[in-house]
Amino acid sequence: RNLEKIEEFEDLMPWSKTLPKNCYIQS
């Protein structure tokens, strides 16, 4: 990705609901 537009990368933020499933701690 273009890091100059990183403020637009909401899907990468740790509170995003679209992260890969394995990112979420099961509990």
mmCIF file of all heavy atoms, coordinates in Angstrom:
data_MODEL
# 
_entry.id   MODEL 
# 
loop_
_atom_site.group_PDB 
_atom_site.id 
_atom_site.type_symbol 
_atom_site.label_atom_id 
_atom_site.label_alt_id 
_atom_site.label_comp_id 
_atom_site.label_asym_id 
_atom_site.label_entity_id 
_atom_site.label_seq_id 
_atom_site.pdbx_PDB_ins_code 
_atom_site.Cartn_x 
_atom_site.Cartn_y 
_atom_site.Cartn_z 
_atom_site.occupancy 
_atom_site.B_iso_or_equiv 
_atom_site.pdbx_formal_charge 
_atom_site.auth_seq_id 
_atom_site.auth_comp_id 
_atom_site.auth_asym_id 
_atom_site.auth_atom_id 
_atom_site.pdbx_PDB_model_num 
ATOM 1   N N   . ARG A 1 1  ? 0.820   -1.210  0.000  1.00 0.00 ? 1  ARG A N   1 
ATOM 2   C CA  . ARG A 1 1  ? 0.000   0.000   0.000  1.00 0.00 ? 1  ARG A CA  1 
ATOM 3   C C   . ARG A 1 1  ? 0.859   1.268   0.000  1.00 0.00 ? 1  ARG A C   1 
ATOM 4   O O   . ARG A 1 1  ? 2.038   1.238   0.343  1.00 0.00 ? 1  ARG A O   1 
ATOM 5   C CB  . ARG A 1 1  ? -0.928  0.010   1.212  1.00 0.00 ? 1  ARG A CB  1 
ATOM 6   C CG  . ARG A 1 1  ? -1.789  -1.249  1.305  1.00 0.00 ? 1  ARG A CG  1 
ATOM 7   C CD  . ARG A 1 1  ? -2.966  -1.021  2.192  1.00 0.00 ? 1  ARG A CD  1 
ATOM 8   N NE  . ARG A 1 1  ? -3.754  -2.244  2.397  1.00 0.00 ? 1  ARG A NE  1 
ATOM 9   C CZ  . ARG A 1 1  ? -4.952  -2.266  2.963  1.00 0.00 ? 1  ARG A CZ  1 
ATOM 10  N NH1 . ARG A 1 1  ? -5.510  -1.139  3.398  1.00 0.00 ? 1  ARG A NH1 1 
ATOM 11  N NH2 . ARG A 1 1  ? -5.609  -3.399  3.114  1.00 0.00 ? 1  ARG A NH2 1 
ATOM 12  N N   . ASN A 1 2  ? 0.204   2.362   -0.352 1.00 0.00 ? 2  ASN A N   1 
ATOM 13  C CA  . ASN A 1 2  ? 0.835   3.671   -0.348 1.00 0.00 ? 2  ASN A CA  1 
ATOM 14  C C   . ASN A 1 2  ? 0.754   4.237   1.067  1.00 0.00 ? 2  ASN A C   1 
ATOM 15  O O   . ASN A 1 2  ? -0.315  4.650   1.523  1.00 0.00 ? 2  ASN A O   1 
ATOM 16  C CB  . ASN A 1 2  ? 0.130   4.597   -1.344 1.00 0.00 ? 2  ASN A CB  1 
ATOM 17  C CG  . ASN A 1 2  ? 0.778   5.967   -1.406 1.00 0.00 ? 2  ASN A CG  1 
ATOM 18  O OD1 . ASN A 1 2  ? 1.780   6.230   -0.739 1.00 0.00 ? 2  ASN A OD1 1 
ATOM 19  N ND2 . ASN A 1 2  ? 0.211   6.851   -2.219 1.00 0.00 ? 2  ASN A ND2 1 
ATOM 20  N N   . LEU A 1 3  ? 1.870   4.282   1.749  1.00 0.00 ? 3  LEU A N   1 
ATOM 21  C CA  . LEU A 1 3  ? 1.868   4.687   3.154  1.00 0.00 ? 3  LEU A CA  1 
ATOM 22  C C   . LEU A 1 3  ? 1.575   6.169   3.342  1.00 0.00 ? 3  LEU A C   1 
ATOM 23  O O   . LEU A 1 3  ? 1.336   6.618   4.460  1.00 0.00 ? 3  LEU A O   1 
ATOM 24  C CB  . LEU A 1 3  ? 3.204   4.335   3.801  1.00 0.00 ? 3  LEU A CB  1 
ATOM 25  C CG  . LEU A 1 3  ? 3.545   2.842   3.855  1.00 0.00 ? 3  LEU A CG  1 
ATOM 26  C CD1 . LEU A 1 3  ? 4.820   2.610   4.642  1.00 0.00 ? 3  LEU A CD1 1 
ATOM 27  C CD2 . LEU A 1 3  ? 2.407   2.042   4.459  1.00 0.00 ? 3  LEU A CD2 1 
ATOM 28  N N   . GLU A 1 4  ? 1.600   6.938   2.254  1.00 0.00 ? 4  GLU A N   1 
ATOM 29  C CA  . GLU A 1 4  ? 1.239   8.349   2.374  1.00 0.00 ? 4  GLU A CA  1 
ATOM 30  C C   . GLU A 1 4  ? -0.263  8.527   2.621  1.00 0.00 ? 4  GLU A C   1 
ATOM 31  O O   . GLU A 1 4  ? -0.705  9.590   3.032  1.00 0.00 ? 4  GLU A O   1 
ATOM 32  C CB  . GLU A 1 4  ? 1.650   9.101   1.108  1.00 0.00 ? 4  GLU A CB  1 
ATOM 33  C CG  . GLU A 1 4  ? 3.166   9.157   0.905  1.00 0.00 ? 4  GLU A CG  1 
ATOM 34  C CD  . GLU A 1 4  ? 3.545   9.909   -0.350 1.00 0.00 ? 4  GLU A CD  1 
ATOM 35  O OE1 . GLU A 1 4  ? 2.616   10.372  -1.067 1.00 0.00 ? 4  GLU A OE1 1 
ATOM 36  O OE2 . GLU A 1 4  ? 4.756   10.061  -0.625 1.00 0.00 ? 4  GLU A OE2 1 
ATOM 37  N N   . LYS A 1 5  ? -1.028  7.471   2.380  1.00 0.00 ? 5  LYS A N   1 
ATOM 38  C CA  . LYS A 1 5  ? -2.475  7.526   2.610  1.00 0.00 ? 5  LYS A CA  1 
ATOM 39  C C   . LYS A 1 5  ? -2.887  6.594   3.748  1.00 0.00 ? 5  LYS A C   1 
ATOM 40  O O   . LYS A 1 5  ? -3.984  6.040   3.744  1.00 0.00 ? 5  LYS A O   1 
ATOM 41  C CB  . LYS A 1 5  ? -3.224  7.130   1.332  1.00 0.00 ? 5  LYS A CB  1 
ATOM 42  C CG  . LYS A 1 5  ? -2.960  8.054   0.150  1.00 0.00 ? 5  LYS A CG  1 
ATOM 43  C CD  . LYS A 1 5  ? -3.746  7.605   -1.072 1.00 0.00 ? 5  LYS A CD  1 
ATOM 44  C CE  . LYS A 1 5  ? -3.502  8.543   -2.251 1.00 0.00 ? 5  LYS A CE  1 
ATOM 45  N NZ  . LYS A 1 5  ? -4.276  8.112   -3.461 1.00 0.00 ? 5  LYS A NZ  1 
ATOM 46  N N   . ILE A 1 6  ? -2.004  6.448   4.698  1.00 0.00 ? 6  ILE A N   1 
ATOM 47  C CA  . ILE A 1 6  ? -2.258  5.462   5.750  1.00 0.00 ? 6  ILE A CA  1 
ATOM 48  C C   . ILE A 1 6  ? -3.465  5.818   6.602  1.00 0.00 ? 6  ILE A C   1 
ATOM 49  O O   . ILE A 1 6  ? -4.094  4.951   7.203  1.00 0.00 ? 6  ILE A O   1 
ATOM 50  C CB  . ILE A 1 6  ? -0.997  5.287   6.633  1.00 0.00 ? 6  ILE A CB  1 
ATOM 51  C CG1 . ILE A 1 6  ? -1.095  3.982   7.426  1.00 0.00 ? 6  ILE A CG1 1 
ATOM 52  C CG2 . ILE A 1 6  ? -0.791  6.487   7.550  1.00 0.00 ? 6  ILE A CG2 1 
ATOM 53  C CD1 . ILE A 1 6  ? 0.192   3.540   8.043  1.00 0.00 ? 6  ILE A CD1 1 
ATOM 54  N N   . GLU A 1 7  ? -3.820  7.112   6.664  1.00 0.00 ? 7  GLU A N   1 
ATOM 55  C CA  . GLU A 1 7  ? -5.003  7.492   7.445  1.00 0.00 ? 7  GLU A CA  1 
ATOM 56  C C   . GLU A 1 7  ? -6.281  6.919   6.855  1.00 0.00 ? 7  GLU A C   1 
ATOM 57  O O   . GLU A 1 7  ? -7.316  6.869   7.519  1.00 0.00 ? 7  GLU A O   1 
ATOM 58  C CB  . GLU A 1 7  ? -5.099  9.023   7.543  1.00 0.00 ? 7  GLU A CB  1 
ATOM 59  C CG  . GLU A 1 7  ? -5.403  9.741   6.248  1.00 0.00 ? 7  GLU A CG  1 
ATOM 60  C CD  . GLU A 1 7  ? -4.166  9.970   5.373  1.00 0.00 ? 7  GLU A CD  1 
ATOM 61  O OE1 . GLU A 1 7  ? -3.058  9.570   5.806  1.00 0.00 ? 7  GLU A OE1 1 
ATOM 62  O OE2 . GLU A 1 7  ? -4.317  10.555  4.294  1.00 0.00 ? 7  GLU A OE2 1 
ATOM 63  N N   . GLU A 1 8  ? -6.222  6.458   5.605  1.00 0.00 ? 8  GLU A N   1 
ATOM 64  C CA  . GLU A 1 8  ? -7.393  5.877   4.948  1.00 0.00 ? 8  GLU A CA  1 
ATOM 65  C C   . GLU A 1 8  ? -7.505  4.380   5.188  1.00 0.00 ? 8  GLU A C   1 
ATOM 66  O O   . GLU A 1 8  ? -8.506  3.767   4.830  1.00 0.00 ? 8  GLU A O   1 
ATOM 67  C CB  . GLU A 1 8  ? -7.328  6.151   3.434  1.00 0.00 ? 8  GLU A CB  1 
ATOM 68  C CG  . GLU A 1 8  ? -7.277  7.635   3.075  1.00 0.00 ? 8  GLU A CG  1 
ATOM 69  C CD  . GLU A 1 8  ? -7.125  7.853   1.580  1.00 0.00 ? 8  GLU A CD  1 
ATOM 70  O OE1 . GLU A 1 8  ? -7.172  6.842   0.831  1.00 0.00 ? 8  GLU A OE1 1 
ATOM 71  O OE2 . GLU A 1 8  ? -6.953  9.011   1.157  1.00 0.00 ? 8  GLU A OE2 1 
ATOM 72  N N   . PHE A 1 9  ? -6.502  3.783   5.792  1.00 0.00 ? 9  PHE A N   1 
ATOM 73  C CA  . PHE A 1 9  ? -6.481  2.326   5.932  1.00 0.00 ? 9  PHE A CA  1 
ATOM 74  C C   . PHE A 1 9  ? -7.225  1.891   7.199  1.00 0.00 ? 9  PHE A C   1 
ATOM 75  O O   . PHE A 1 9  ? -6.653  1.301   8.112  1.00 0.00 ? 9  PHE A O   1 
ATOM 76  C CB  . PHE A 1 9  ? -5.033  1.823   5.975  1.00 0.00 ? 9  PHE A CB  1 
ATOM 77  C CG  . PHE A 1 9  ? -4.230  2.156   4.751  1.00 0.00 ? 9  PHE A CG  1 
ATOM 78  C CD1 . PHE A 1 9  ? -2.849  2.165   4.789  1.00 0.00 ? 9  PHE A CD1 1 
ATOM 79  C CD2 . PHE A 1 9  ? -4.853  2.474   3.550  1.00 0.00 ? 9  PHE A CD2 1 
ATOM 80  C CE1 . PHE A 1 9  ? -2.103  2.472   3.666  1.00 0.00 ? 9  PHE A CE1 1 
ATOM 81  C CE2 . PHE A 1 9  ? -4.112  2.788   2.427  1.00 0.00 ? 9  PHE A CE2 1 
ATOM 82  C CZ  . PHE A 1 9  ? -2.730  2.788   2.480  1.00 0.00 ? 9  PHE A CZ  1 
ATOM 83  N N   . GLU A 1 10 ? -8.497  2.172   7.250  1.00 0.00 ? 10 GLU A N   1 
ATOM 84  C CA  . GLU A 1 10 ? -9.293  1.826   8.427  1.00 0.00 ? 10 GLU A CA  1 
ATOM 85  C C   . GLU A 1 10 ? -9.379  0.314   8.603  1.00 0.00 ? 10 GLU A C   1 
ATOM 86  O O   . GLU A 1 10 ? -9.545  -0.176  9.721  1.00 0.00 ? 10 GLU A O   1 
ATOM 87  C CB  . GLU A 1 10 ? -10.696 2.420   8.299  1.00 0.00 ? 10 GLU A CB  1 
ATOM 88  C CG  . GLU A 1 10 ? -11.459 2.511   9.596  1.00 0.00 ? 10 GLU A CG  1 
ATOM 89  C CD  . GLU A 1 10 ? -10.817 3.471   10.589 1.00 0.00 ? 10 GLU A CD  1 
ATOM 90  O OE1 . GLU A 1 10 ? -10.205 4.470   10.167 1.00 0.00 ? 10 GLU A OE1 1 
ATOM 91  O OE2 . GLU A 1 10 ? -10.929 3.203   11.804 1.00 0.00 ? 10 GLU A OE2 1 
ATOM 92  N N   . ASP A 1 11 ? -9.255  -0.427  7.518  1.00 0.00 ? 11 ASP A N   1 
ATOM 93  C CA  . ASP A 1 11 ? -9.344  -1.882  7.613  1.00 0.00 ? 11 ASP A CA  1 
ATOM 94  C C   . ASP A 1 11 ? -8.120  -2.503  8.284  1.00 0.00 ? 11 ASP A C   1 
ATOM 95  O O   . ASP A 1 11 ? -8.144  -3.679  8.668  1.00 0.00 ? 11 ASP A O   1 
ATOM 96  C CB  . ASP A 1 11 ? -9.518  -2.489  6.219  1.00 0.00 ? 11 ASP A CB  1 
ATOM 97  C CG  . ASP A 1 11 ? -8.347  -2.166  5.294  1.00 0.00 ? 11 ASP A CG  1 
ATOM 98  O OD1 . ASP A 1 11 ? -7.923  -0.994  5.269  1.00 0.00 ? 11 ASP A OD1 1 
ATOM 99  O OD2 . ASP A 1 11 ? -7.848  -3.076  4.618  1.00 0.00 ? 11 ASP A OD2 1 
ATOM 100 N N   . LEU A 1 12 ? -7.040  -1.720  8.456  1.00 0.00 ? 12 LEU A N   1 
ATOM 101 C CA  . LEU A 1 12 ? -5.841  -2.233  9.103  1.00 0.00 ? 12 LEU A CA  1 
ATOM 102 C C   . LEU A 1 12 ? -5.811  -1.923  10.595 1.00 0.00 ? 12 LEU A C   1 
ATOM 103 O O   . LEU A 1 12 ? -4.980  -2.479  11.319 1.00 0.00 ? 12 LEU A O   1 
ATOM 104 C CB  . LEU A 1 12 ? -4.587  -1.629  8.451  1.00 0.00 ? 12 LEU A CB  1 
ATOM 105 C CG  . LEU A 1 12 ? -4.364  -1.884  6.962  1.00 0.00 ? 12 LEU A CG  1 
ATOM 106 C CD1 . LEU A 1 12 ? -3.034  -1.298  6.536  1.00 0.00 ? 12 LEU A CD1 1 
ATOM 107 C CD2 . LEU A 1 12 ? -4.415  -3.367  6.647  1.00 0.00 ? 12 LEU A CD2 1 
ATOM 108 N N   . MET A 1 13 ? -6.677  -1.044  11.052 1.00 0.00 ? 13 MET A N   1 
ATOM 109 C CA  . MET A 1 13 ? -6.651  -0.635  12.450 1.00 0.00 ? 13 MET A CA  1 
ATOM 110 C C   . MET A 1 13 ? -7.039  -1.801  13.371 1.00 0.00 ? 13 MET A C   1 
ATOM 111 O O   . MET A 1 13 ? -7.861  -2.642  12.999 1.00 0.00 ? 13 MET A O   1 
ATOM 112 C CB  . MET A 1 13 ? -7.582  0.556   12.674 1.00 0.00 ? 13 MET A CB  1 
ATOM 113 C CG  . MET A 1 13 ? -7.159  1.797   11.912 1.00 0.00 ? 13 MET A CG  1 
ATOM 114 S SD  . MET A 1 13 ? -5.502  2.328   12.416 1.00 0.00 ? 13 MET A SD  1 
ATOM 115 C CE  . MET A 1 13 ? -5.062  3.427   11.062 1.00 0.00 ? 13 MET A CE  1 
ATOM 116 N N   . PRO A 1 14 ? -6.474  -1.865  14.556 1.00 0.00 ? 14 PRO A N   1 
ATOM 117 C CA  . PRO A 1 14 ? -6.722  -3.024  15.436 1.00 0.00 ? 14 PRO A CA  1 
ATOM 118 C C   . PRO A 1 14 ? -8.156  -3.147  15.914 1.00 0.00 ? 14 PRO A C   1 
ATOM 119 O O   . PRO A 1 14 ? -8.537  -4.200  16.411 1.00 0.00 ? 14 PRO A O   1 
ATOM 120 C CB  . PRO A 1 14 ? -5.761  -2.781  16.614 1.00 0.00 ? 14 PRO A CB  1 
ATOM 121 C CG  . PRO A 1 14 ? -5.464  -1.324  16.570 1.00 0.00 ? 14 PRO A CG  1 
ATOM 122 C CD  . PRO A 1 14 ? -5.509  -0.936  15.129 1.00 0.00 ? 14 PRO A CD  1 
ATOM 123 N N   . TRP A 1 15 ? -8.949  -2.100  15.785 1.00 0.00 ? 15 TRP A N   1 
ATOM 124 C CA  . TRP A 1 15 ? -10.361 -2.170  16.163 1.00 0.00 ? 15 TRP A CA  1 
ATOM 125 C C   . TRP A 1 15 ? -11.262 -2.446  14.957 1.00 0.00 ? 15 TRP A C   1 
ATOM 126 O O   . TRP A 1 15 ? -12.479 -2.472  15.083 1.00 0.00 ? 15 TRP A O   1 
ATOM 127 C CB  . TRP A 1 15 ? -10.787 -0.862  16.827 1.00 0.00 ? 15 TRP A CB  1 
ATOM 128 C CG  . TRP A 1 15 ? -10.365 0.351   16.064 1.00 0.00 ? 15 TRP A CG  1 
ATOM 129 C CD1 . TRP A 1 15 ? -10.991 0.910   14.984 1.00 0.00 ? 15 TRP A CD1 1 
ATOM 130 C CD2 . TRP A 1 15 ? -9.190  1.140   16.302 1.00 0.00 ? 15 TRP A CD2 1 
ATOM 131 N NE1 . TRP A 1 15 ? -10.281 1.995   14.536 1.00 0.00 ? 15 TRP A NE1 1 
ATOM 132 C CE2 . TRP A 1 15 ? -9.185  2.168   15.328 1.00 0.00 ? 15 TRP A CE2 1 
ATOM 133 C CE3 . TRP A 1 15 ? -8.168  1.083   17.239 1.00 0.00 ? 15 TRP A CE3 1 
ATOM 134 C CZ2 . TRP A 1 15 ? -8.166  3.118   15.277 1.00 0.00 ? 15 TRP A CZ2 1 
ATOM 135 C CZ3 . TRP A 1 15 ? -7.165  2.043   17.182 1.00 0.00 ? 15 TRP A CZ3 1 
ATOM 136 C CH2 . TRP A 1 15 ? -7.170  3.043   16.213 1.00 0.00 ? 15 TRP A CH2 1 
ATOM 137 N N   . SER A 1 16 ? -10.664 -2.665  13.794 1.00 0.00 ? 16 SER A N   1 
ATOM 138 C CA  . SER A 1 16 ? -11.448 -2.950  12.597 1.00 0.00 ? 16 SER A CA  1 
ATOM 139 C C   . SER A 1 16 ? -12.186 -4.287  12.735 1.00 0.00 ? 16 SER A C   1 
ATOM 140 O O   . SER A 1 16 ? -11.653 -5.242  13.300 1.00 0.00 ? 16 SER A O   1 
ATOM 141 C CB  . SER A 1 16 ? -10.539 -2.983  11.368 1.00 0.00 ? 16 SER A CB  1 
ATOM 142 O OG  . SER A 1 16 ? -11.234 -3.432  10.227 1.00 0.00 ? 16 SER A OG  1 
ATOM 143 N N   . LYS A 1 17 ? -13.392 -4.332  12.200 1.00 0.00 ? 17 LYS A N   1 
ATOM 144 C CA  . LYS A 1 17 ? -14.190 -5.560  12.240 1.00 0.00 ? 17 LYS A CA  1 
ATOM 145 C C   . LYS A 1 17 ? -13.923 -6.453  11.035 1.00 0.00 ? 17 LYS A C   1 
ATOM 146 O O   . LYS A 1 17 ? -14.517 -7.524  10.905 1.00 0.00 ? 17 LYS A O   1 
ATOM 147 C CB  . LYS A 1 17 ? -15.684 -5.211  12.287 1.00 0.00 ? 17 LYS A CB  1 
ATOM 148 C CG  . LYS A 1 17 ? -16.084 -4.325  13.450 1.00 0.00 ? 17 LYS A CG  1 
ATOM 149 C CD  . LYS A 1 17 ? -15.768 -4.967  14.791 1.00 0.00 ? 17 LYS A CD  1 
ATOM 150 C CE  . LYS A 1 17 ? -16.223 -4.078  15.945 1.00 0.00 ? 17 LYS A CE  1 
ATOM 151 N NZ  . LYS A 1 17 ? -15.857 -4.652  17.271 1.00 0.00 ? 17 LYS A NZ  1 
ATOM 152 N N   . THR A 1 18 ? -13.020 -6.022  10.152 1.00 0.00 ? 18 THR A N   1 
ATOM 153 C CA  . THR A 1 18 ? -12.757 -6.784  8.931  1.00 0.00 ? 18 THR A CA  1 
ATOM 154 C C   . THR A 1 18 ? -11.385 -7.441  8.927  1.00 0.00 ? 18 THR A C   1 
ATOM 155 O O   . THR A 1 18 ? -10.912 -7.886  7.875  1.00 0.00 ? 18 THR A O   1 
ATOM 156 C CB  . THR A 1 18 ? -12.897 -5.868  7.694  1.00 0.00 ? 18 THR A CB  1 
ATOM 157 O OG1 . THR A 1 18 ? -11.947 -4.792  7.800  1.00 0.00 ? 18 THR A OG1 1 
ATOM 158 C CG2 . THR A 1 18 ? -14.302 -5.304  7.603  1.00 0.00 ? 18 THR A CG2 1 
ATOM 159 N N   . LEU A 1 19 ? -10.730 -7.503  10.060 1.00 0.00 ? 19 LEU A N   1 
ATOM 160 C CA  . LEU A 1 19 ? -9.439  -8.187  10.126 1.00 0.00 ? 19 LEU A CA  1 
ATOM 161 C C   . LEU A 1 19 ? -9.629  -9.682  9.881  1.00 0.00 ? 19 LEU A C   1 
ATOM 162 O O   . LEU A 1 19 ? -10.721 -10.210 10.086 1.00 0.00 ? 19 LEU A O   1 
ATOM 163 C CB  . LEU A 1 19 ? -8.797  -7.966  11.501 1.00 0.00 ? 19 LEU A CB  1 
ATOM 164 C CG  . LEU A 1 19 ? -8.395  -6.537  11.874 1.00 0.00 ? 19 LEU A CG  1 
ATOM 165 C CD1 . LEU A 1 19 ? -7.889  -6.497  13.306 1.00 0.00 ? 19 LEU A CD1 1 
ATOM 166 C CD2 . LEU A 1 19 ? -7.351  -5.992  10.923 1.00 0.00 ? 19 LEU A CD2 1 
ATOM 167 N N   . PRO A 1 20 ? -8.586  -10.376 9.466  1.00 0.00 ? 20 PRO A N   1 
ATOM 168 C CA  . PRO A 1 20 ? -8.699  -11.842 9.308  1.00 0.00 ? 20 PRO A CA  1 
ATOM 169 C C   . PRO A 1 20 ? -9.161  -12.488 10.603 1.00 0.00 ? 20 PRO A C   1 
ATOM 170 O O   . PRO A 1 20 ? -8.826  -12.035 11.700 1.00 0.00 ? 20 PRO A O   1 
ATOM 171 C CB  . PRO A 1 20 ? -7.268  -12.260 8.947  1.00 0.00 ? 20 PRO A CB  1 
ATOM 172 C CG  . PRO A 1 20 ? -6.663  -11.043 8.323  1.00 0.00 ? 20 PRO A CG  1 
ATOM 173 C CD  . PRO A 1 20 ? -7.265  -9.869  9.034  1.00 0.00 ? 20 PRO A CD  1 
ATOM 174 N N   . LYS A 1 21 ? -9.921  -13.552 10.493 1.00 0.00 ? 21 LYS A N   1 
ATOM 175 C CA  . LYS A 1 21 ? -10.522 -14.201 11.666 1.00 0.00 ? 21 LYS A CA  1 
ATOM 176 C C   . LYS A 1 21 ? -9.481  -14.659 12.684 1.00 0.00 ? 21 LYS A C   1 
ATOM 177 O O   . LYS A 1 21 ? -9.725  -14.639 13.889 1.00 0.00 ? 21 LYS A O   1 
ATOM 178 C CB  . LYS A 1 21 ? -11.384 -15.383 11.218 1.00 0.00 ? 21 LYS A CB  1 
ATOM 179 C CG  . LYS A 1 21 ? -12.657 -14.971 10.495 1.00 0.00 ? 21 LYS A CG  1 
ATOM 180 C CD  . LYS A 1 21 ? -13.500 -16.183 10.150 1.00 0.00 ? 21 LYS A CD  1 
ATOM 181 C CE  . LYS A 1 21 ? -14.782 -15.764 9.452  1.00 0.00 ? 21 LYS A CE  1 
ATOM 182 N NZ  . LYS A 1 21 ? -15.638 -16.935 9.111  1.00 0.00 ? 21 LYS A NZ  1 
ATOM 183 N N   . ASN A 1 22 ? -8.314  -15.079 12.198 1.00 0.00 ? 22 ASN A N   1 
ATOM 184 C CA  . ASN A 1 22 ? -7.321  -15.588 13.146 1.00 0.00 ? 22 ASN A CA  1 
ATOM 185 C C   . ASN A 1 22 ? -6.703  -14.485 14.005 1.00 0.00 ? 22 ASN A C   1 
ATOM 186 O O   . ASN A 1 22 ? -5.991  -14.769 14.975 1.00 0.00 ? 22 ASN A O   1 
ATOM 187 C CB  . ASN A 1 22 ? -6.215  -16.350 12.419 1.00 0.00 ? 22 ASN A CB  1 
ATOM 188 C CG  . ASN A 1 22 ? -5.447  -15.471 11.437 1.00 0.00 ? 22 ASN A CG  1 
ATOM 189 O OD1 . ASN A 1 22 ? -5.742  -14.296 11.259 1.00 0.00 ? 22 ASN A OD1 1 
ATOM 190 N ND2 . ASN A 1 22 ? -4.473  -16.060 10.774 1.00 0.00 ? 22 ASN A ND2 1 
ATOM 191 N N   . CYS A 1 23 ? -6.970  -13.224 13.684 1.00 0.00 ? 23 CYS A N   1 
ATOM 192 C CA  . CYS A 1 23 ? -6.444  -12.117 14.474 1.00 0.00 ? 23 CYS A CA  1 
ATOM 193 C C   . CYS A 1 23 ? -7.166  -11.974 15.810 1.00 0.00 ? 23 CYS A C   1 
ATOM 194 O O   . CYS A 1 23 ? -6.591  -11.478 16.774 1.00 0.00 ? 23 CYS A O   1 
ATOM 195 C CB  . CYS A 1 23 ? -6.556  -10.801 13.703 1.00 0.00 ? 23 CYS A CB  1 
ATOM 196 S SG  . CYS A 1 23 ? -5.352  -10.628 12.355 1.00 0.00 ? 23 CYS A SG  1 
ATOM 197 N N   . TYR A 1 24 ? -8.421  -12.411 15.843 1.00 0.00 ? 24 TYR A N   1 
ATOM 198 C CA  . TYR A 1 24 ? -9.209  -12.180 17.041 1.00 0.00 ? 24 TYR A CA  1 
ATOM 199 C C   . TYR A 1 24 ? -8.939  -13.261 18.078 1.00 0.00 ? 24 TYR A C   1 
ATOM 200 O O   . TYR A 1 24 ? -8.987  -14.458 17.781 1.00 0.00 ? 24 TYR A O   1 
ATOM 201 C CB  . TYR A 1 24 ? -10.700 -12.148 16.704 1.00 0.00 ? 24 TYR A CB  1 
ATOM 202 C CG  . TYR A 1 24 ? -11.065 -11.047 15.738 1.00 0.00 ? 24 TYR A CG  1 
ATOM 203 C CD1 . TYR A 1 24 ? -11.199 -11.291 14.378 1.00 0.00 ? 24 TYR A CD1 1 
ATOM 204 C CD2 . TYR A 1 24 ? -11.251 -9.744  16.192 1.00 0.00 ? 24 TYR A CD2 1 
ATOM 205 C CE1 . TYR A 1 24 ? -11.510 -10.280 13.487 1.00 0.00 ? 24 TYR A CE1 1 
ATOM 206 C CE2 . TYR A 1 24 ? -11.568 -8.722  15.311 1.00 0.00 ? 24 TYR A CE2 1 
ATOM 207 C CZ  . TYR A 1 24 ? -11.697 -8.996  13.958 1.00 0.00 ? 24 TYR A CZ  1 
ATOM 208 O OH  . TYR A 1 24 ? -12.002 -7.998  13.085 1.00 0.00 ? 24 TYR A OH  1 
ATOM 209 N N   . ILE A 1 25 ? -8.646  -12.818 19.305 1.00 0.00 ? 25 ILE A N   1 
ATOM 210 C CA  . ILE A 1 25 ? -8.475  -13.760 20.402 1.00 0.00 ? 25 ILE A CA  1 
ATOM 211 C C   . ILE A 1 25 ? -9.810  -14.413 20.676 1.00 0.00 ? 25 ILE A C   1 
ATOM 212 O O   . ILE A 1 25 ? -10.841 -13.749 20.751 1.00 0.00 ? 25 ILE A O   1 
ATOM 213 C CB  . ILE A 1 25 ? -7.949  -13.039 21.661 1.00 0.00 ? 25 ILE A CB  1 
ATOM 214 C CG1 . ILE A 1 25 ? -6.560  -12.462 21.369 1.00 0.00 ? 25 ILE A CG1 1 
ATOM 215 C CG2 . ILE A 1 25 ? -7.899  -13.987 22.858 1.00 0.00 ? 25 ILE A CG2 1 
ATOM 216 C CD1 . ILE A 1 25 ? -5.983  -11.653 22.511 1.00 0.00 ? 25 ILE A CD1 1 
ATOM 217 N N   . GLN A 1 26 ? -9.813  -15.724 20.835 1.00 0.00 ? 26 GLN A N   1 
ATOM 218 C CA  . GLN A 1 26 ? -11.057 -16.486 20.900 1.00 0.00 ? 26 GLN A CA  1 
ATOM 219 C C   . GLN A 1 26 ? -11.984 -16.004 22.007 1.00 0.00 ? 26 GLN A C   1 
ATOM 220 O O   . GLN A 1 26 ? -13.187 -15.912 21.822 1.00 0.00 ? 26 GLN A O   1 
ATOM 221 C CB  . GLN A 1 26 ? -10.742 -17.970 21.083 1.00 0.00 ? 26 GLN A CB  1 
ATOM 222 C CG  . GLN A 1 26 ? -10.035 -18.557 19.874 1.00 0.00 ? 26 GLN A CG  1 
ATOM 223 C CD  . GLN A 1 26 ? -9.493  -19.948 20.133 1.00 0.00 ? 26 GLN A CD  1 
ATOM 224 O OE1 . GLN A 1 26 ? -9.587  -20.454 21.232 1.00 0.00 ? 26 GLN A OE1 1 
ATOM 225 N NE2 . GLN A 1 26 ? -8.920  -20.555 19.114 1.00 0.00 ? 26 GLN A NE2 1 
ATOM 226 N N   . SER A 1 27 ? -11.422 -15.680 23.172 1.00 0.00 ? 27 SER A N   1 
ATOM 227 C CA  . SER A 1 27 ? -12.265 -15.257 24.292 1.00 0.00 ? 27 SER A CA  1 
ATOM 228 C C   . SER A 1 27 ? -12.891 -13.912 24.063 1.00 0.00 ? 27 SER A C   1 
ATOM 229 O O   . SER A 1 27 ? -13.787 -13.500 24.773 1.00 0.00 ? 27 SER A O   1 
ATOM 230 C CB  . SER A 1 27 ? -11.429 -15.193 25.573 1.00 0.00 ? 27 SER A CB  1 
ATOM 231 O OG  . SER A 1 27 ? -10.351 -14.269 25.412 1.00 0.00 ? 27 SER A OG  1 
# 
